[in-house]
Amino acid sequence: MDTSLRVRIGDAHIEHSWAYAKLVIDLYARGECEQSRAFSYRGAEANEELWALAKMAECAFAMWADLDPLDPQILNWRGLPDWWDVVVFGWRVDVKHTVAGSRLIWPLRKKELFNDAQFDVLALVRGEPPAFEITGVVHKERFARHRFEEIKGGNLDPGTWYMKKGQLDHPRTLLRS
């Protein structure tokens, strides 16, 4: 495992991520992700850059944990939605991406799914290709107990759940958990 929290992904990771984004958008367009579409927000199902950057963040997190993100056993490259992105040290991790933000956000439209969501840890990854930073992690139960909810007039949509960067645990805590 790389103890640095900064990860540079390679050209192959970037290319695969863009191809993945195109695949996901095509699956949505063909109606193969209708259950997931019900939880899409602000046109995310058609946002190629959003899907590509999210997959690049997953690549970065996997690389930080010394895993090969191009291995289809490590990351989902099929394009169909799943609950977690990568298994690291036995934990099912749902990676959340932001270009420059400082909050880990649980999507507004997925709030009702949180309790049944099959993941153990949320991870915040910041950056854009090729440089990413593994910002922090939080176990699902701790997020549920200590998250904030955006109010009207904030930067996020009212009702959005989030945790601030300073509330997150260091990613290496996954080794000790």
N, C-alpha and C. Protein backbone atom coordinates (compact mmCIF):
# COMPACT_ATOMS: atom_id res chain seq x y z
N MET A 1 0.85 -1.19 0.00
CA MET A 1 0.00 0.00 0.00
C MET A 1 0.88 1.24 0.00
N ASP A 2 0.54 2.18 -0.82
CA ASP A 2 1.22 3.46 -0.86
C ASP A 2 0.75 4.31 0.33
N THR A 3 1.69 4.75 1.17
CA THR A 3 1.29 5.55 2.33
C THR A 3 1.04 7.01 1.95
N SER A 4 1.42 7.40 0.76
CA SER A 4 1.11 8.74 0.27
C SER A 4 -0.39 8.81 0.00
N LEU A 5 -0.95 9.97 0.22
CA LEU A 5 -2.37 10.13 -0.07
C LEU A 5 -2.60 10.70 -1.46
N ARG A 6 -1.54 10.98 -2.17
CA ARG A 6 -1.64 11.49 -3.53
C ARG A 6 -1.34 10.36 -4.51
N VAL A 7 -2.19 10.26 -5.50
CA VAL A 7 -2.06 9.19 -6.48
C VAL A 7 -2.16 9.79 -7.87
N ARG A 8 -1.25 9.38 -8.74
CA ARG A 8 -1.31 9.77 -10.14
C ARG A 8 -1.74 8.56 -10.94
N ILE A 9 -2.85 8.70 -11.64
CA ILE A 9 -3.30 7.60 -12.47
C ILE A 9 -2.67 7.73 -13.85
N GLY A 10 -2.57 6.61 -14.54
CA GLY A 10 -1.93 6.60 -15.84
C GLY A 10 -2.89 6.84 -17.00
N ASP A 11 -2.32 6.96 -18.16
CA ASP A 11 -3.13 7.19 -19.37
C ASP A 11 -4.14 6.07 -19.59
N ALA A 12 -3.73 4.82 -19.32
CA ALA A 12 -4.64 3.70 -19.52
C ALA A 12 -5.86 3.81 -18.60
N HIS A 13 -5.65 4.28 -17.36
CA HIS A 13 -6.77 4.44 -16.43
C HIS A 13 -7.72 5.54 -16.93
N ILE A 14 -7.14 6.59 -17.44
CA ILE A 14 -7.95 7.69 -17.97
C ILE A 14 -8.76 7.24 -19.18
N GLU A 15 -8.10 6.55 -20.11
CA GLU A 15 -8.78 6.06 -21.31
C GLU A 15 -9.90 5.08 -20.96
N HIS A 16 -9.61 4.14 -20.06
CA HIS A 16 -10.63 3.17 -19.65
C HIS A 16 -11.81 3.88 -18.97
N SER A 17 -11.52 4.91 -18.20
CA SER A 17 -12.59 5.63 -17.50
C SER A 17 -13.50 6.36 -18.47
N TRP A 18 -12.92 6.96 -19.50
CA TRP A 18 -13.76 7.62 -20.51
C TRP A 18 -14.59 6.59 -21.28
N ALA A 19 -14.00 5.44 -21.58
CA ALA A 19 -14.75 4.38 -22.27
C ALA A 19 -15.88 3.88 -21.37
N TYR A 20 -15.61 3.75 -20.08
CA TYR A 20 -16.63 3.33 -19.12
C TYR A 20 -17.79 4.34 -19.10
N ALA A 21 -17.45 5.63 -19.08
CA ALA A 21 -18.47 6.67 -19.06
C ALA A 21 -19.38 6.57 -20.29
N LYS A 22 -18.79 6.35 -21.44
CA LYS A 22 -19.58 6.19 -22.66
C LYS A 22 -20.49 4.96 -22.57
N LEU A 23 -19.96 3.87 -22.01
CA LEU A 23 -20.75 2.65 -21.85
C LEU A 23 -21.95 2.89 -20.94
N VAL A 24 -21.73 3.54 -19.80
CA VAL A 24 -22.82 3.80 -18.85
C VAL A 24 -23.90 4.65 -19.50
N ILE A 25 -23.49 5.70 -20.18
CA ILE A 25 -24.47 6.59 -20.82
C ILE A 25 -25.25 5.83 -21.89
N ASP A 26 -24.57 4.95 -22.61
CA ASP A 26 -25.25 4.13 -23.62
C ASP A 26 -26.25 3.17 -22.96
N LEU A 27 -25.87 2.57 -21.84
CA LEU A 27 -26.79 1.67 -21.12
C LEU A 27 -28.04 2.43 -20.66
N TYR A 28 -27.85 3.63 -20.14
CA TYR A 28 -28.99 4.45 -19.74
C TYR A 28 -29.87 4.77 -20.96
N ALA A 29 -29.23 5.15 -22.06
CA ALA A 29 -29.98 5.53 -23.27
C ALA A 29 -30.80 4.35 -23.81
N ARG A 30 -30.28 3.13 -23.64
CA ARG A 30 -30.99 1.93 -24.11
C ARG A 30 -32.02 1.43 -23.09
N GLY A 31 -32.12 2.11 -21.96
CA GLY A 31 -33.11 1.72 -20.96
C GLY A 31 -32.70 0.55 -20.08
N GLU A 32 -31.40 0.27 -20.00
CA GLU A 32 -30.93 -0.88 -19.24
C GLU A 32 -30.61 -0.55 -17.78
N CYS A 33 -30.82 0.69 -17.38
CA CYS A 33 -30.52 1.10 -16.00
C CYS A 33 -31.70 1.87 -15.43
N GLU A 34 -32.90 1.43 -15.73
CA GLU A 34 -34.09 2.21 -15.33
C GLU A 34 -34.24 2.33 -13.82
N GLN A 35 -33.90 1.28 -13.08
CA GLN A 35 -33.99 1.37 -11.62
C GLN A 35 -33.03 2.44 -11.10
N SER A 36 -31.83 2.45 -11.64
CA SER A 36 -30.85 3.45 -11.24
C SER A 36 -31.25 4.85 -11.70
N ARG A 37 -31.86 4.95 -12.87
CA ARG A 37 -32.27 6.25 -13.41
C ARG A 37 -33.23 6.96 -12.46
N ALA A 38 -34.01 6.20 -11.74
CA ALA A 38 -34.98 6.79 -10.81
C ALA A 38 -34.27 7.61 -9.72
N PHE A 39 -32.99 7.33 -9.48
CA PHE A 39 -32.25 8.03 -8.44
C PHE A 39 -31.24 9.02 -9.02
N SER A 40 -31.21 9.13 -10.33
CA SER A 40 -30.30 10.07 -10.98
C SER A 40 -30.75 11.49 -10.68
N TYR A 41 -29.81 12.40 -10.69
CA TYR A 41 -30.10 13.77 -10.29
C TYR A 41 -29.42 14.74 -11.24
N ARG A 42 -30.15 15.73 -11.67
CA ARG A 42 -29.62 16.80 -12.53
C ARG A 42 -28.92 16.27 -13.79
N GLY A 43 -29.51 15.24 -14.37
CA GLY A 43 -28.98 14.72 -15.63
C GLY A 43 -27.70 13.92 -15.50
N ALA A 44 -27.40 13.41 -14.31
CA ALA A 44 -26.16 12.66 -14.11
C ALA A 44 -26.06 11.46 -15.04
N GLU A 45 -27.20 10.86 -15.37
CA GLU A 45 -27.18 9.66 -16.21
C GLU A 45 -26.63 9.94 -17.61
N ALA A 46 -26.56 11.20 -18.00
CA ALA A 46 -26.05 11.56 -19.33
C ALA A 46 -24.78 12.41 -19.26
N ASN A 47 -24.18 12.52 -18.09
CA ASN A 47 -23.01 13.39 -17.91
C ASN A 47 -21.72 12.57 -18.01
N GLU A 48 -21.16 12.56 -19.20
CA GLU A 48 -19.98 11.75 -19.48
C GLU A 48 -18.80 12.13 -18.59
N GLU A 49 -18.57 13.41 -18.39
CA GLU A 49 -17.44 13.83 -17.57
C GLU A 49 -17.62 13.37 -16.12
N LEU A 50 -18.82 13.48 -15.58
CA LEU A 50 -19.09 13.03 -14.22
C LEU A 50 -18.76 11.55 -14.06
N TRP A 51 -19.24 10.71 -14.98
CA TRP A 51 -18.98 9.28 -14.90
C TRP A 51 -17.49 8.97 -15.05
N ALA A 52 -16.82 9.65 -15.97
CA ALA A 52 -15.39 9.38 -16.19
C ALA A 52 -14.56 9.78 -14.97
N LEU A 53 -14.82 10.97 -14.42
CA LEU A 53 -14.06 11.41 -13.25
C LEU A 53 -14.33 10.52 -12.04
N ALA A 54 -15.56 10.09 -11.87
CA ALA A 54 -15.87 9.18 -10.76
C ALA A 54 -15.10 7.88 -10.89
N LYS A 55 -15.02 7.35 -12.10
CA LYS A 55 -14.28 6.09 -12.31
C LYS A 55 -12.78 6.31 -12.12
N MET A 56 -12.27 7.47 -12.53
CA MET A 56 -10.85 7.77 -12.29
C MET A 56 -10.56 7.84 -10.79
N ALA A 57 -11.48 8.40 -10.03
CA ALA A 57 -11.32 8.45 -8.57
C ALA A 57 -11.29 7.04 -7.99
N GLU A 58 -12.12 6.16 -8.51
CA GLU A 58 -12.10 4.76 -8.07
C GLU A 58 -10.75 4.13 -8.40
N CYS A 59 -10.23 4.42 -9.59
CA CYS A 59 -8.91 3.91 -9.97
C CYS A 59 -7.85 4.39 -8.98
N ALA A 60 -7.89 5.66 -8.65
CA ALA A 60 -6.91 6.23 -7.72
C ALA A 60 -6.99 5.55 -6.36
N PHE A 61 -8.20 5.34 -5.86
CA PHE A 61 -8.35 4.69 -4.55
C PHE A 61 -7.81 3.27 -4.59
N ALA A 62 -8.14 2.53 -5.63
CA ALA A 62 -7.63 1.17 -5.78
C ALA A 62 -6.10 1.17 -5.84
N MET A 63 -5.53 2.09 -6.61
CA MET A 63 -4.06 2.16 -6.72
C MET A 63 -3.42 2.49 -5.38
N TRP A 64 -4.03 3.38 -4.61
CA TRP A 64 -3.52 3.71 -3.28
C TRP A 64 -3.42 2.44 -2.41
N ALA A 65 -4.37 1.52 -2.60
CA ALA A 65 -4.39 0.28 -1.82
C ALA A 65 -3.60 -0.84 -2.49
N ASP A 66 -2.77 -0.49 -3.47
CA ASP A 66 -1.94 -1.47 -4.19
C ASP A 66 -2.76 -2.49 -4.97
N LEU A 67 -3.88 -2.08 -5.48
CA LEU A 67 -4.71 -2.94 -6.32
C LEU A 67 -4.65 -2.44 -7.75
N ASP A 68 -4.83 -3.35 -8.69
CA ASP A 68 -4.82 -3.00 -10.11
C ASP A 68 -6.25 -2.65 -10.54
N PRO A 69 -6.55 -1.37 -10.72
CA PRO A 69 -7.92 -0.99 -11.06
C PRO A 69 -8.38 -1.47 -12.43
N LEU A 70 -7.46 -1.84 -13.30
CA LEU A 70 -7.86 -2.31 -14.62
C LEU A 70 -8.30 -3.77 -14.59
N ASP A 71 -8.04 -4.44 -13.49
CA ASP A 71 -8.48 -5.82 -13.30
C ASP A 71 -10.00 -5.80 -13.06
N PRO A 72 -10.79 -6.46 -13.91
CA PRO A 72 -12.25 -6.43 -13.73
C PRO A 72 -12.72 -7.09 -12.43
N GLN A 73 -11.84 -7.79 -11.75
CA GLN A 73 -12.18 -8.34 -10.43
C GLN A 73 -12.04 -7.27 -9.35
N ILE A 74 -11.35 -6.18 -9.66
CA ILE A 74 -11.11 -5.12 -8.69
C ILE A 74 -12.16 -4.01 -8.83
N LEU A 75 -12.35 -3.50 -10.05
CA LEU A 75 -13.36 -2.47 -10.30
C LEU A 75 -14.41 -2.99 -11.28
N ASN A 76 -15.60 -2.48 -11.17
CA ASN A 76 -16.69 -2.81 -12.08
C ASN A 76 -16.52 -1.99 -13.36
N TRP A 77 -16.23 -2.66 -14.44
CA TRP A 77 -16.11 -2.00 -15.75
C TRP A 77 -17.28 -2.36 -16.65
N ARG A 78 -18.30 -3.08 -16.11
CA ARG A 78 -19.45 -3.52 -16.91
C ARG A 78 -20.43 -2.40 -17.19
N GLY A 79 -20.41 -1.36 -16.38
CA GLY A 79 -21.31 -0.24 -16.60
C GLY A 79 -22.61 -0.32 -15.83
N LEU A 80 -22.93 -1.48 -15.29
CA LEU A 80 -24.16 -1.61 -14.52
C LEU A 80 -23.92 -1.17 -13.08
N PRO A 81 -24.86 -0.47 -12.48
CA PRO A 81 -24.66 0.07 -11.14
C PRO A 81 -24.48 -1.03 -10.09
N ASP A 82 -23.70 -0.71 -9.09
CA ASP A 82 -23.52 -1.60 -7.94
C ASP A 82 -23.44 -0.74 -6.68
N TRP A 83 -23.35 -1.36 -5.53
CA TRP A 83 -23.38 -0.61 -4.28
C TRP A 83 -22.02 -0.14 -3.83
N TRP A 84 -20.99 -0.85 -4.18
CA TRP A 84 -19.65 -0.45 -3.78
C TRP A 84 -18.76 -0.47 -5.00
N ASP A 85 -17.63 0.21 -4.86
CA ASP A 85 -16.75 0.36 -6.02
C ASP A 85 -15.54 -0.55 -5.97
N VAL A 86 -15.02 -0.79 -4.77
CA VAL A 86 -13.80 -1.59 -4.64
C VAL A 86 -13.77 -2.18 -3.23
N VAL A 87 -13.22 -3.38 -3.12
CA VAL A 87 -13.02 -3.99 -1.80
C VAL A 87 -11.56 -3.78 -1.42
N VAL A 88 -11.36 -3.09 -0.29
CA VAL A 88 -10.01 -2.78 0.18
C VAL A 88 -9.88 -3.28 1.62
N PHE A 89 -8.90 -4.13 1.86
CA PHE A 89 -8.65 -4.68 3.19
C PHE A 89 -9.90 -5.31 3.78
N GLY A 90 -10.74 -5.90 2.93
CA GLY A 90 -11.96 -6.55 3.37
C GLY A 90 -13.18 -5.64 3.49
N TRP A 91 -12.99 -4.35 3.26
CA TRP A 91 -14.09 -3.38 3.36
C TRP A 91 -14.63 -3.08 1.98
N ARG A 92 -15.96 -3.09 1.83
CA ARG A 92 -16.61 -2.68 0.58
C ARG A 92 -16.69 -1.16 0.60
N VAL A 93 -15.97 -0.52 -0.31
CA VAL A 93 -15.82 0.94 -0.31
C VAL A 93 -16.60 1.57 -1.46
N ASP A 94 -17.42 2.55 -1.11
CA ASP A 94 -18.14 3.37 -2.10
C ASP A 94 -17.35 4.67 -2.21
N VAL A 95 -16.70 4.87 -3.34
CA VAL A 95 -15.83 6.04 -3.56
C VAL A 95 -16.68 7.20 -4.07
N LYS A 96 -16.53 8.35 -3.43
CA LYS A 96 -17.20 9.58 -3.85
C LYS A 96 -16.13 10.56 -4.34
N HIS A 97 -16.41 11.24 -5.43
CA HIS A 97 -15.42 12.14 -6.05
C HIS A 97 -15.87 13.59 -6.01
N THR A 98 -14.89 14.47 -5.86
CA THR A 98 -15.08 15.90 -6.05
C THR A 98 -13.82 16.44 -6.71
N VAL A 99 -13.96 17.43 -7.56
CA VAL A 99 -12.77 18.03 -8.17
C VAL A 99 -11.99 18.82 -7.13
N ALA A 100 -12.67 19.69 -6.40
CA ALA A 100 -11.96 20.55 -5.43
C ALA A 100 -12.72 20.76 -4.13
N GLY A 101 -13.84 20.10 -3.96
CA GLY A 101 -14.65 20.29 -2.76
C GLY A 101 -14.02 19.69 -1.51
N SER A 102 -14.68 19.91 -0.39
CA SER A 102 -14.14 19.42 0.88
C SER A 102 -15.19 18.66 1.69
N ARG A 103 -16.25 18.21 1.01
CA ARG A 103 -17.28 17.47 1.71
C ARG A 103 -17.58 16.15 0.99
N LEU A 104 -17.74 15.12 1.77
CA LEU A 104 -18.19 13.83 1.25
C LEU A 104 -19.71 13.88 1.27
N ILE A 105 -20.32 13.66 0.14
CA ILE A 105 -21.76 13.84 -0.01
C ILE A 105 -22.44 12.51 -0.32
N TRP A 106 -23.54 12.25 0.38
CA TRP A 106 -24.41 11.13 0.00
C TRP A 106 -25.50 11.75 -0.87
N PRO A 107 -25.69 11.24 -2.09
CA PRO A 107 -26.62 11.87 -3.03
C PRO A 107 -28.04 12.04 -2.48
N LEU A 108 -28.58 13.20 -2.69
CA LEU A 108 -29.90 13.57 -2.22
C LEU A 108 -30.96 12.54 -2.63
N ARG A 109 -30.95 12.13 -3.87
CA ARG A 109 -31.98 11.22 -4.38
C ARG A 109 -31.81 9.79 -3.87
N LYS A 110 -30.67 9.48 -3.21
CA LYS A 110 -30.43 8.13 -2.72
C LYS A 110 -30.57 8.01 -1.21
N LYS A 111 -31.06 9.06 -0.56
CA LYS A 111 -31.18 9.03 0.90
C LYS A 111 -31.99 7.84 1.39
N GLU A 112 -33.08 7.55 0.72
CA GLU A 112 -33.95 6.46 1.18
C GLU A 112 -33.30 5.08 1.02
N LEU A 113 -32.23 5.00 0.24
CA LEU A 113 -31.53 3.73 0.02
C LEU A 113 -30.38 3.51 0.99
N PHE A 114 -30.01 4.54 1.75
CA PHE A 114 -28.78 4.49 2.54
C PHE A 114 -28.73 3.27 3.47
N ASN A 115 -29.75 3.04 4.24
CA ASN A 115 -29.71 1.96 5.23
C ASN A 115 -29.54 0.59 4.59
N ASP A 116 -30.10 0.39 3.41
CA ASP A 116 -30.01 -0.90 2.74
C ASP A 116 -28.81 -1.01 1.80
N ALA A 117 -28.11 0.09 1.58
CA ALA A 117 -26.97 0.09 0.66
C ALA A 117 -25.90 -0.87 1.17
N GLN A 118 -25.39 -1.68 0.27
CA GLN A 118 -24.44 -2.73 0.63
C GLN A 118 -23.01 -2.27 0.46
N PHE A 119 -22.57 -1.39 1.35
CA PHE A 119 -21.18 -0.98 1.43
C PHE A 119 -20.84 -0.82 2.90
N ASP A 120 -19.55 -0.77 3.21
CA ASP A 120 -19.09 -0.63 4.59
C ASP A 120 -18.49 0.74 4.88
N VAL A 121 -17.87 1.32 3.85
CA VAL A 121 -17.09 2.54 4.02
C VAL A 121 -17.35 3.47 2.85
N LEU A 122 -17.42 4.77 3.14
CA LEU A 122 -17.43 5.80 2.10
C LEU A 122 -16.04 6.42 2.06
N ALA A 123 -15.55 6.72 0.87
CA ALA A 123 -14.24 7.35 0.72
C ALA A 123 -14.39 8.60 -0.13
N LEU A 124 -13.71 9.67 0.26
CA LEU A 124 -13.70 10.90 -0.53
C LEU A 124 -12.37 11.00 -1.26
N VAL A 125 -12.46 11.15 -2.58
CA VAL A 125 -11.27 11.32 -3.43
C VAL A 125 -11.45 12.63 -4.17
N ARG A 126 -10.43 13.49 -4.07
CA ARG A 126 -10.46 14.80 -4.74
C ARG A 126 -9.46 14.83 -5.87
N GLY A 127 -9.75 15.64 -6.88
CA GLY A 127 -8.78 15.86 -7.93
C GLY A 127 -9.34 15.68 -9.32
N GLU A 128 -8.44 15.83 -10.27
CA GLU A 128 -8.76 15.60 -11.67
C GLU A 128 -7.52 15.04 -12.34
N PRO A 129 -7.69 14.35 -13.46
CA PRO A 129 -6.57 13.62 -14.04
C PRO A 129 -5.39 14.51 -14.40
N PRO A 130 -4.21 13.96 -14.10
CA PRO A 130 -3.96 12.62 -13.57
C PRO A 130 -3.79 12.57 -12.04
N ALA A 131 -3.92 13.70 -11.35
CA ALA A 131 -3.57 13.76 -9.92
C ALA A 131 -4.82 13.73 -9.03
N PHE A 132 -4.82 12.79 -8.09
CA PHE A 132 -5.92 12.64 -7.15
C PHE A 132 -5.36 12.55 -5.73
N GLU A 133 -6.21 12.90 -4.78
CA GLU A 133 -5.84 12.81 -3.36
C GLU A 133 -6.90 11.98 -2.65
N ILE A 134 -6.45 10.99 -1.90
CA ILE A 134 -7.36 10.20 -1.08
C ILE A 134 -7.57 11.03 0.19
N THR A 135 -8.70 11.69 0.28
CA THR A 135 -8.95 12.71 1.30
C THR A 135 -9.34 12.14 2.65
N GLY A 136 -10.16 11.11 2.66
CA GLY A 136 -10.57 10.53 3.93
C GLY A 136 -11.61 9.45 3.72
N VAL A 137 -11.89 8.72 4.80
CA VAL A 137 -12.88 7.65 4.77
C VAL A 137 -13.77 7.76 6.00
N VAL A 138 -14.92 7.12 5.93
CA VAL A 138 -15.81 7.05 7.09
C VAL A 138 -16.63 5.77 6.97
N HIS A 139 -16.74 5.06 8.07
CA HIS A 139 -17.57 3.86 8.09
C HIS A 139 -19.03 4.27 7.99
N LYS A 140 -19.81 3.44 7.34
CA LYS A 140 -21.21 3.72 7.08
C LYS A 140 -21.96 4.10 8.35
N GLU A 141 -21.75 3.34 9.43
CA GLU A 141 -22.48 3.60 10.67
C GLU A 141 -22.12 4.97 11.25
N ARG A 142 -20.85 5.33 11.19
CA ARG A 142 -20.44 6.64 11.71
C ARG A 142 -21.01 7.77 10.86
N PHE A 143 -21.03 7.58 9.55
CA PHE A 143 -21.64 8.59 8.67
C PHE A 143 -23.11 8.76 9.05
N ALA A 144 -23.81 7.66 9.26
CA ALA A 144 -25.23 7.72 9.60
C ALA A 144 -25.47 8.49 10.90
N ARG A 145 -24.57 8.34 11.87
CA ARG A 145 -24.75 9.00 13.17
C ARG A 145 -24.28 10.45 13.19
N HIS A 146 -23.25 10.79 12.41
CA HIS A 146 -22.60 12.09 12.54
C HIS A 146 -22.67 12.98 11.31
N ARG A 147 -23.41 12.59 10.32
CA ARG A 147 -23.52 13.39 9.11
C ARG A 147 -24.29 14.68 9.40
N PHE A 148 -24.10 15.64 8.52
CA PHE A 148 -24.88 16.86 8.53
C PHE A 148 -25.93 16.76 7.44
N GLU A 149 -26.94 17.63 7.52
CA GLU A 149 -27.93 17.74 6.45
C GLU A 149 -27.99 19.20 6.04
N GLU A 150 -27.78 19.44 4.76
CA GLU A 150 -27.78 20.82 4.24
C GLU A 150 -29.14 21.48 4.47
N ILE A 151 -29.07 22.73 4.85
CA ILE A 151 -30.29 23.51 5.04
C ILE A 151 -30.44 24.48 3.87
N LYS A 152 -31.58 25.09 3.78
CA LYS A 152 -31.83 26.06 2.70
C LYS A 152 -30.83 27.20 2.82
N GLY A 153 -30.27 27.60 1.70
CA GLY A 153 -29.31 28.69 1.67
C GLY A 153 -27.87 28.25 1.72
N GLY A 154 -27.63 26.95 1.84
CA GLY A 154 -26.27 26.43 1.84
C GLY A 154 -25.77 26.21 0.42
N ASN A 155 -24.56 25.68 0.30
CA ASN A 155 -23.97 25.44 -1.01
C ASN A 155 -24.55 24.21 -1.71
N LEU A 156 -25.10 23.30 -0.92
CA LEU A 156 -25.66 22.07 -1.47
C LEU A 156 -27.18 22.20 -1.52
N ASP A 157 -27.82 21.29 -2.23
CA ASP A 157 -29.27 21.26 -2.23
C ASP A 157 -29.78 20.94 -0.84
N PRO A 158 -30.81 21.63 -0.38
CA PRO A 158 -31.36 21.34 0.95
C PRO A 158 -31.71 19.86 1.09
N GLY A 159 -31.33 19.30 2.23
CA GLY A 159 -31.59 17.89 2.50
C GLY A 159 -30.43 16.97 2.18
N THR A 160 -29.42 17.46 1.46
CA THR A 160 -28.28 16.63 1.12
C THR A 160 -27.49 16.27 2.38
N TRP A 161 -27.12 15.01 2.52
CA TRP A 161 -26.30 14.57 3.65
C TRP A 161 -24.83 14.73 3.29
N TYR A 162 -24.03 15.12 4.27
CA TYR A 162 -22.60 15.28 4.01
C TYR A 162 -21.79 15.23 5.30
N MET A 163 -20.49 15.03 5.13
CA MET A 163 -19.52 15.19 6.21
C MET A 163 -18.40 16.07 5.68
N LYS A 164 -17.87 16.89 6.55
CA LYS A 164 -16.76 17.75 6.18
C LYS A 164 -15.45 16.95 6.20
N LYS A 165 -14.51 17.40 5.40
CA LYS A 165 -13.21 16.73 5.28
C LYS A 165 -12.60 16.46 6.66
N GLY A 166 -12.66 17.42 7.56
CA GLY A 166 -12.06 17.27 8.88
C GLY A 166 -12.73 16.23 9.76
N GLN A 167 -13.93 15.81 9.41
CA GLN A 167 -14.63 14.77 10.17
C GLN A 167 -14.27 13.37 9.71
N LEU A 168 -13.65 13.27 8.55
CA LEU A 168 -13.34 11.96 7.98
C LEU A 168 -12.10 11.37 8.65
N ASP A 169 -12.03 10.06 8.63
CA ASP A 169 -10.87 9.35 9.17
C ASP A 169 -9.78 9.28 8.12
N HIS A 170 -8.55 9.13 8.59
CA HIS A 170 -7.44 8.93 7.67
C HIS A 170 -7.64 7.59 6.98
N PRO A 171 -7.38 7.49 5.69
CA PRO A 171 -7.60 6.22 4.98
C PRO A 171 -6.85 5.04 5.61
N ARG A 172 -5.72 5.27 6.23
CA ARG A 172 -4.97 4.14 6.81
C ARG A 172 -5.72 3.48 7.96
N THR A 173 -6.79 4.14 8.48
CA THR A 173 -7.56 3.50 9.54
C THR A 173 -8.24 2.24 9.04
N LEU A 174 -8.39 2.08 7.74
CA LEU A 174 -8.98 0.86 7.19
C LEU A 174 -8.10 -0.35 7.53
N LEU A 175 -6.82 -0.12 7.72
CA LEU A 175 -5.90 -1.22 8.07
C LEU A 175 -6.13 -1.72 9.49
N ARG A 176 -6.56 -0.82 10.37
CA ARG A 176 -6.69 -1.15 11.79
C ARG A 176 -8.11 -1.55 12.17
N SER A 177 -9.04 -1.33 11.30
CA SER A 177 -10.45 -1.57 11.64
C SER A 177 -10.78 -3.04 11.66
